[in-house]
């Protein structure tokens, strides 16, 4: 194995470790946020799992549920919101799903074909 391959392997291991740490931290955050709004950690994790089942990464699904709770939106509807966001991304021609509804500036969302 050459030095370049070893360098790349170390990078992959580092990135994998950081991703696992972020995902674990988001699990703790889900529990704390859930407790603050009167839900258990397991309930919050099940909402995040529902979002994940739509093909969204674990990190993004947990972040989405936390943001929804922070924005006083019902986390039980997180799967529905994820589906709407996916559909809007497809119709709007976006190549990726933007799940930052509470933090995304309104001018970005006006380009999507969503009516009030």
Protein backbone atom coordinates (compact mmCIF):
# COMPACT_ATOMS: atom_id res chain seq x y z
CA UNK A 1 0.00 0.00 0.00
CA UNK A 2 1.48 3.32 -1.01
CA UNK A 3 1.61 6.47 1.07
CA UNK A 4 -1.21 8.06 -0.91
CA UNK A 5 -3.56 5.12 -0.28
CA UNK A 6 -2.72 5.23 3.44
CA UNK A 7 -3.39 8.99 3.47
CA UNK A 8 -6.79 8.46 1.83
CA UNK A 9 -7.64 5.65 4.24
CA UNK A 10 -6.87 7.86 7.23
CA UNK A 11 -9.14 10.55 5.73
CA UNK A 12 -12.00 8.08 5.29
CA UNK A 13 -11.63 6.83 8.86
CA UNK A 14 -11.55 10.42 10.17
CA UNK A 15 -14.66 11.40 8.18
CA UNK A 16 -16.54 8.29 9.29
CA UNK A 17 -15.68 8.93 12.93
CA UNK A 18 -16.79 12.56 12.73
CA UNK A 19 -20.07 11.57 11.07
CA UNK A 20 -20.75 8.97 13.75
CA UNK A 21 -20.02 11.55 16.47
CA UNK A 22 -22.36 14.13 14.87
CA UNK A 23 -25.11 11.55 14.52
CA UNK A 24 -24.71 10.48 18.15
CA UNK A 25 -24.74 14.10 19.30
CA UNK A 26 -27.92 14.75 17.33
CA UNK A 27 -29.48 11.76 19.09
CA UNK A 28 -28.74 13.39 22.43
CA UNK A 29 -30.07 16.73 21.15
CA UNK A 30 -33.27 14.99 20.02
CA UNK A 31 -33.75 13.66 23.54
CA UNK A 32 -33.21 17.06 25.17
CA UNK A 33 -35.40 18.94 22.71
CA UNK A 34 -38.07 16.25 22.99
CA UNK A 35 -38.04 16.49 26.77
CA UNK A 36 -38.40 20.28 26.51
CA UNK A 37 -41.56 19.94 24.41
CA UNK A 38 -43.00 17.02 26.36
CA UNK A 39 -41.94 14.10 24.15
CA UNK A 40 -39.65 11.18 24.89
CA UNK A 41 -36.36 10.54 23.12
CA UNK A 42 -37.86 7.42 21.54
CA UNK A 43 -40.76 9.42 20.10
CA UNK A 44 -38.37 11.96 18.63
CA UNK A 45 -36.18 9.20 17.21
CA UNK A 46 -39.22 7.56 15.62
CA UNK A 47 -40.12 10.86 13.93
CA UNK A 48 -36.56 11.15 12.64
CA UNK A 49 -36.71 7.54 11.46
CA UNK A 50 -39.90 8.33 9.52
CA UNK A 51 -38.06 11.11 7.70
CA UNK A 52 -35.05 8.87 7.13
CA UNK A 53 -37.22 6.22 5.47
CA UNK A 54 -37.79 8.68 2.62
CA UNK A 55 -34.15 8.42 1.61
CA UNK A 56 -32.87 11.32 3.71
CA UNK A 57 -29.68 10.78 5.70
CA UNK A 58 -29.78 10.09 9.42
CA UNK A 59 -27.99 13.37 10.16
CA UNK A 60 -30.38 15.43 8.01
CA UNK A 61 -33.48 13.68 9.35
CA UNK A 62 -32.49 14.28 12.98
CA UNK A 63 -31.57 17.88 12.23
CA UNK A 64 -34.93 18.38 10.53
CA UNK A 65 -36.91 17.08 13.51
CA UNK A 66 -34.88 19.27 15.90
CA UNK A 67 -35.47 22.34 13.71
CA UNK A 68 -39.18 21.60 13.51
CA UNK A 69 -39.42 21.37 17.29
CA UNK A 70 -37.39 24.55 17.66
CA UNK A 71 -39.78 26.34 15.28
CA UNK A 72 -42.81 25.16 17.30
CA UNK A 73 -43.95 22.83 14.53
CA UNK A 74 -45.37 19.44 15.41
CA UNK A 75 -42.58 16.83 15.00
CA UNK A 76 -45.28 14.21 14.36
CA UNK A 77 -45.79 15.84 10.98
CA UNK A 78 -42.09 15.69 10.08
CA UNK A 79 -42.61 12.90 7.54
CA UNK A 80 -45.33 14.90 5.81
CA UNK A 81 -43.13 17.99 5.65
CA UNK A 82 -40.24 15.94 4.27
CA UNK A 83 -42.50 14.54 1.55
CA UNK A 84 -43.70 18.04 0.61
CA UNK A 85 -40.09 19.29 0.53
CA UNK A 86 -39.06 16.39 -1.71
CA UNK A 87 -41.97 17.00 -4.07
CA UNK A 88 -41.24 20.73 -4.19
CA UNK A 89 -37.57 20.03 -4.90
CA UNK A 90 -38.51 17.76 -7.80
CA UNK A 91 -41.05 20.16 -9.27
CA UNK A 92 -38.79 23.16 -8.69
CA UNK A 93 -35.85 21.45 -10.36
CA UNK A 94 -33.66 21.43 -7.27
CA UNK A 95 -30.99 18.77 -7.23
CA UNK A 96 -31.07 18.39 -3.44
CA UNK A 97 -33.61 18.68 -0.68
CA UNK A 98 -33.40 21.80 1.41
CA UNK A 99 -34.77 21.01 4.84
CA UNK A 100 -33.94 24.35 6.41
CA UNK A 101 -37.47 25.73 6.42
CA UNK A 102 -37.14 27.63 9.73
CA UNK A 103 -33.82 29.17 8.69
CA UNK A 104 -34.11 29.50 4.90
CA UNK A 105 -34.73 33.05 3.68
CA UNK A 106 -38.14 33.53 2.09
CA UNK A 107 -36.67 34.70 -1.21
CA UNK A 108 -35.29 31.19 -1.85
CA UNK A 109 -38.64 29.55 -1.27
CA UNK A 110 -40.46 31.97 -3.61
CA UNK A 111 -38.78 30.25 -6.54
CA UNK A 112 -40.55 27.02 -5.72
CA UNK A 113 -44.03 26.36 -7.11
CA UNK A 114 -45.77 26.47 -3.76
CA UNK A 115 -48.99 28.40 -3.34
CA UNK A 116 -50.39 29.68 -0.07
